[in-house]
């Protein structure tokens, strides 16, 4: 998964949330644009999704899961 401070996605993600800058611990802006990236995973519409299993990759972090109908 692309890092949140990357300037563009690396694995086909799309920006879900973008901020114009991030802030240092002292409250000053550093001017670096940041994003939370999202990816859509197609599923079979004829079936009900009841669970999600992620691969055993140590650097992948799932922050949230949602569904759309």
N, C-alpha and C. Protein backbone atom coordinates (compact mmCIF):
# COMPACT_ATOMS: atom_id res chain seq x y z
N UNK A 1 0.85 -1.17 0.00
CA UNK A 1 0.00 0.00 0.00
C UNK A 1 0.89 1.24 0.00
N UNK A 2 0.45 2.23 -0.71
CA UNK A 2 1.20 3.47 -0.82
C UNK A 2 1.22 4.22 0.51
N UNK A 3 2.35 4.77 0.87
CA UNK A 3 2.48 5.55 2.10
C UNK A 3 1.63 6.82 2.05
N UNK A 4 1.14 7.27 3.18
CA UNK A 4 0.22 8.40 3.23
C UNK A 4 0.85 9.71 2.80
N UNK A 5 2.16 9.83 2.86
CA UNK A 5 2.82 11.07 2.45
C UNK A 5 3.40 10.96 1.03
N UNK A 6 3.07 9.90 0.30
CA UNK A 6 3.52 9.77 -1.08
C UNK A 6 2.80 10.78 -1.96
N UNK A 7 3.46 11.25 -2.98
CA UNK A 7 2.85 12.24 -3.87
C UNK A 7 1.87 11.61 -4.86
N UNK A 8 1.98 10.30 -5.09
CA UNK A 8 1.06 9.61 -5.98
C UNK A 8 0.97 8.14 -5.57
N UNK A 9 -0.13 7.46 -5.96
CA UNK A 9 -0.27 6.05 -5.59
C UNK A 9 0.70 5.17 -6.36
N UNK A 10 1.05 4.03 -5.78
CA UNK A 10 1.98 3.10 -6.40
C UNK A 10 1.33 1.78 -6.79
N UNK A 11 0.16 1.48 -6.27
CA UNK A 11 -0.44 0.17 -6.49
C UNK A 11 -1.87 0.25 -7.02
N UNK A 12 -2.19 1.32 -7.76
CA UNK A 12 -3.51 1.44 -8.35
C UNK A 12 -4.57 2.03 -7.43
N UNK A 13 -4.18 2.53 -6.27
CA UNK A 13 -5.15 3.13 -5.37
C UNK A 13 -5.63 4.48 -5.92
N UNK A 14 -6.69 5.00 -5.30
CA UNK A 14 -7.19 6.34 -5.56
C UNK A 14 -7.20 7.09 -4.24
N UNK A 15 -7.08 8.40 -4.31
CA UNK A 15 -7.11 9.21 -3.09
C UNK A 15 -8.53 9.22 -2.52
N UNK A 16 -8.68 8.86 -1.25
CA UNK A 16 -9.97 8.92 -0.56
C UNK A 16 -10.11 10.24 0.17
N UNK A 17 -9.02 10.68 0.80
CA UNK A 17 -8.97 11.94 1.53
C UNK A 17 -7.62 12.58 1.24
N UNK A 18 -7.62 13.88 0.99
CA UNK A 18 -6.39 14.60 0.72
C UNK A 18 -6.35 15.87 1.54
N UNK A 19 -5.19 16.18 2.09
CA UNK A 19 -4.98 17.43 2.85
C UNK A 19 -3.85 18.20 2.19
N UNK A 20 -3.95 19.53 2.19
CA UNK A 20 -2.94 20.37 1.54
C UNK A 20 -1.59 20.34 2.23
N UNK A 21 -1.58 20.02 3.51
CA UNK A 21 -0.31 19.99 4.24
C UNK A 21 -0.43 19.05 5.44
N UNK A 22 0.69 18.69 5.99
CA UNK A 22 0.71 17.99 7.28
C UNK A 22 1.40 18.93 8.27
N UNK A 23 1.26 18.64 9.54
CA UNK A 23 1.77 19.53 10.58
C UNK A 23 2.82 18.84 11.43
N UNK A 24 3.85 19.60 11.79
CA UNK A 24 4.88 19.12 12.70
C UNK A 24 4.35 19.10 14.11
N UNK A 25 5.04 18.46 15.00
CA UNK A 25 4.60 18.35 16.39
C UNK A 25 4.47 19.73 17.04
N UNK A 26 5.19 20.73 16.55
CA UNK A 26 5.10 22.08 17.12
C UNK A 26 3.98 22.90 16.49
N UNK A 27 3.20 22.31 15.58
CA UNK A 27 2.06 22.99 14.99
C UNK A 27 2.34 23.72 13.69
N UNK A 28 3.58 23.71 13.23
CA UNK A 28 3.89 24.39 11.98
C UNK A 28 3.64 23.45 10.79
N UNK A 29 3.13 24.02 9.71
CA UNK A 29 2.87 23.25 8.50
C UNK A 29 4.17 23.03 7.74
N UNK A 30 4.33 21.86 7.15
CA UNK A 30 5.54 21.62 6.36
C UNK A 30 5.29 21.70 4.85
N UNK A 31 4.01 21.93 4.45
CA UNK A 31 3.69 22.14 3.05
C UNK A 31 3.61 20.88 2.20
N UNK A 32 3.74 19.72 2.80
CA UNK A 32 3.67 18.47 2.03
C UNK A 32 2.24 17.98 1.98
N UNK A 33 1.72 17.80 0.77
CA UNK A 33 0.37 17.28 0.57
C UNK A 33 0.34 15.81 0.98
N UNK A 34 -0.71 15.39 1.68
CA UNK A 34 -0.83 14.00 2.13
C UNK A 34 -2.20 13.45 1.73
N UNK A 35 -2.27 12.13 1.58
CA UNK A 35 -3.51 11.47 1.19
C UNK A 35 -3.68 10.17 1.92
N UNK A 36 -4.92 9.79 2.13
CA UNK A 36 -5.27 8.44 2.55
C UNK A 36 -5.77 7.76 1.28
N UNK A 37 -5.16 6.65 0.94
CA UNK A 37 -5.46 5.97 -0.32
C UNK A 37 -6.50 4.89 -0.12
N UNK A 38 -7.27 4.62 -1.18
CA UNK A 38 -8.29 3.57 -1.12
C UNK A 38 -8.16 2.69 -2.36
N UNK A 39 -8.66 1.50 -2.23
CA UNK A 39 -8.68 0.57 -3.36
C UNK A 39 -10.03 -0.15 -3.35
N UNK A 40 -10.60 -0.34 -4.51
CA UNK A 40 -11.86 -1.07 -4.64
C UNK A 40 -11.56 -2.52 -5.01
N UNK A 41 -12.25 -3.42 -4.36
CA UNK A 41 -12.06 -4.85 -4.63
C UNK A 41 -13.39 -5.40 -5.13
N UNK A 42 -13.43 -5.86 -6.37
CA UNK A 42 -14.70 -6.38 -6.88
C UNK A 42 -15.07 -7.71 -6.22
N UNK A 43 -16.33 -7.88 -5.98
CA UNK A 43 -16.84 -9.14 -5.43
C UNK A 43 -18.03 -9.59 -6.28
N UNK A 44 -18.39 -10.83 -6.15
CA UNK A 44 -19.52 -11.41 -6.88
C UNK A 44 -20.82 -10.87 -6.29
N UNK A 45 -21.58 -10.12 -7.08
CA UNK A 45 -22.83 -9.51 -6.60
C UNK A 45 -23.89 -10.54 -6.24
N UNK A 46 -23.76 -11.74 -6.73
CA UNK A 46 -24.74 -12.78 -6.45
C UNK A 46 -24.50 -13.45 -5.09
N UNK A 47 -23.40 -13.11 -4.44
CA UNK A 47 -23.06 -13.74 -3.17
C UNK A 47 -22.96 -12.68 -2.08
N UNK A 48 -23.10 -13.09 -0.83
CA UNK A 48 -22.97 -12.19 0.31
C UNK A 48 -21.55 -12.27 0.86
N UNK A 49 -20.91 -11.12 0.98
CA UNK A 49 -19.57 -11.08 1.56
C UNK A 49 -19.70 -11.09 3.08
N UNK A 50 -19.06 -12.05 3.73
CA UNK A 50 -19.18 -12.16 5.19
C UNK A 50 -17.85 -12.03 5.91
N UNK A 51 -16.75 -12.05 5.14
CA UNK A 51 -15.45 -11.90 5.79
C UNK A 51 -14.42 -11.37 4.80
N UNK A 52 -13.31 -10.93 5.33
CA UNK A 52 -12.20 -10.42 4.53
C UNK A 52 -10.92 -11.00 5.09
N UNK A 53 -10.11 -11.60 4.25
CA UNK A 53 -8.83 -12.15 4.67
C UNK A 53 -7.74 -11.45 3.89
N UNK A 54 -6.83 -10.81 4.58
CA UNK A 54 -5.75 -10.11 3.89
C UNK A 54 -4.54 -11.04 3.76
N UNK A 55 -3.68 -10.76 2.80
CA UNK A 55 -2.48 -11.58 2.65
C UNK A 55 -1.52 -11.34 3.81
N UNK A 56 -0.64 -12.26 4.03
CA UNK A 56 0.34 -12.15 5.13
C UNK A 56 1.50 -11.26 4.68
N UNK A 57 1.22 -9.98 4.52
CA UNK A 57 2.23 -9.01 4.10
C UNK A 57 2.40 -8.02 5.25
N UNK A 58 3.58 -7.94 5.86
CA UNK A 58 3.74 -7.14 7.06
C UNK A 58 3.54 -5.64 6.87
N UNK A 59 3.72 -5.11 5.68
CA UNK A 59 3.61 -3.66 5.49
C UNK A 59 2.24 -3.20 5.02
N UNK A 60 1.29 -4.11 4.88
CA UNK A 60 -0.06 -3.73 4.47
C UNK A 60 -0.88 -3.46 5.72
N UNK A 61 -1.51 -2.29 5.73
CA UNK A 61 -2.35 -1.90 6.87
C UNK A 61 -3.73 -1.56 6.36
N UNK A 62 -4.75 -2.25 6.86
CA UNK A 62 -6.14 -1.97 6.50
C UNK A 62 -6.69 -1.07 7.58
N UNK A 63 -7.08 0.15 7.21
CA UNK A 63 -7.60 1.10 8.18
C UNK A 63 -9.11 1.04 8.30
N UNK A 64 -9.78 0.64 7.22
CA UNK A 64 -11.23 0.54 7.26
C UNK A 64 -11.71 -0.31 6.10
N UNK A 65 -12.88 -0.89 6.28
CA UNK A 65 -13.55 -1.64 5.22
C UNK A 65 -14.97 -1.10 5.12
N UNK A 66 -15.46 -0.92 3.90
CA UNK A 66 -16.83 -0.51 3.70
C UNK A 66 -17.41 -1.31 2.54
N UNK A 67 -18.71 -1.29 2.42
CA UNK A 67 -19.36 -1.94 1.29
C UNK A 67 -20.25 -0.94 0.59
N UNK A 68 -20.47 -1.18 -0.70
CA UNK A 68 -21.40 -0.37 -1.50
C UNK A 68 -22.36 -1.32 -2.16
N UNK A 69 -23.59 -0.87 -2.29
CA UNK A 69 -24.59 -1.69 -2.98
C UNK A 69 -25.04 -0.99 -4.24
